Amino acid sequence: MTLQTLILRYAGFALLATIANLAIQRFVLQFGETAYHFAGAVGAGTIVGLVIKYVLDKRWIFYDVETGVKNHSRKFSLYTAMGLVTTAIFWGIETAFWLIWQTDMMRELGAILGLSVGYVVKYNLDRRFVFTDQQLAAST
């Protein structure tokens, strides 16, 4: 895969996961706008985005065709661990935008900015620590 294809594919998958994340957040926030609703929205959106991104990255970015519960459990655990740092980036920026402006539009702008920065960092962590035995990881 060329670098341009990699970037477009990865960005496309990040966009899909981001849209799913924000859609879940909007759904949860329909039930209220308290701090608990906000935390629940951010948490639920993050889980949905994480699962979508893992499935797409595993197959279409890192060409990982391993199957089985043992392999998926190990890789998903590592993938999630690498996401802890990037999730902190995402949550921090989204929360800062919410606290400063307290509007849905700015919260979502903060989420998009945080996710964008986080995904760049995450790709590099995943390539180095999660999908180490895959063809792409060895060639880039």
Foldseek 3Di string as FASTA:
>chain_A
DDPVVLVVQLVVLLVVLLVQLVVQLVVLCVVDDDPVSNVVSNVVSVVSSLVSSCVSCCCPNQNPPDDDPVLCVQLSVQLVVLLVVLSCQLVVQLVVQCVVPVDPVSSSVSNVVSSVVSSVSSVVSCLVPRSVPTPNSVVD
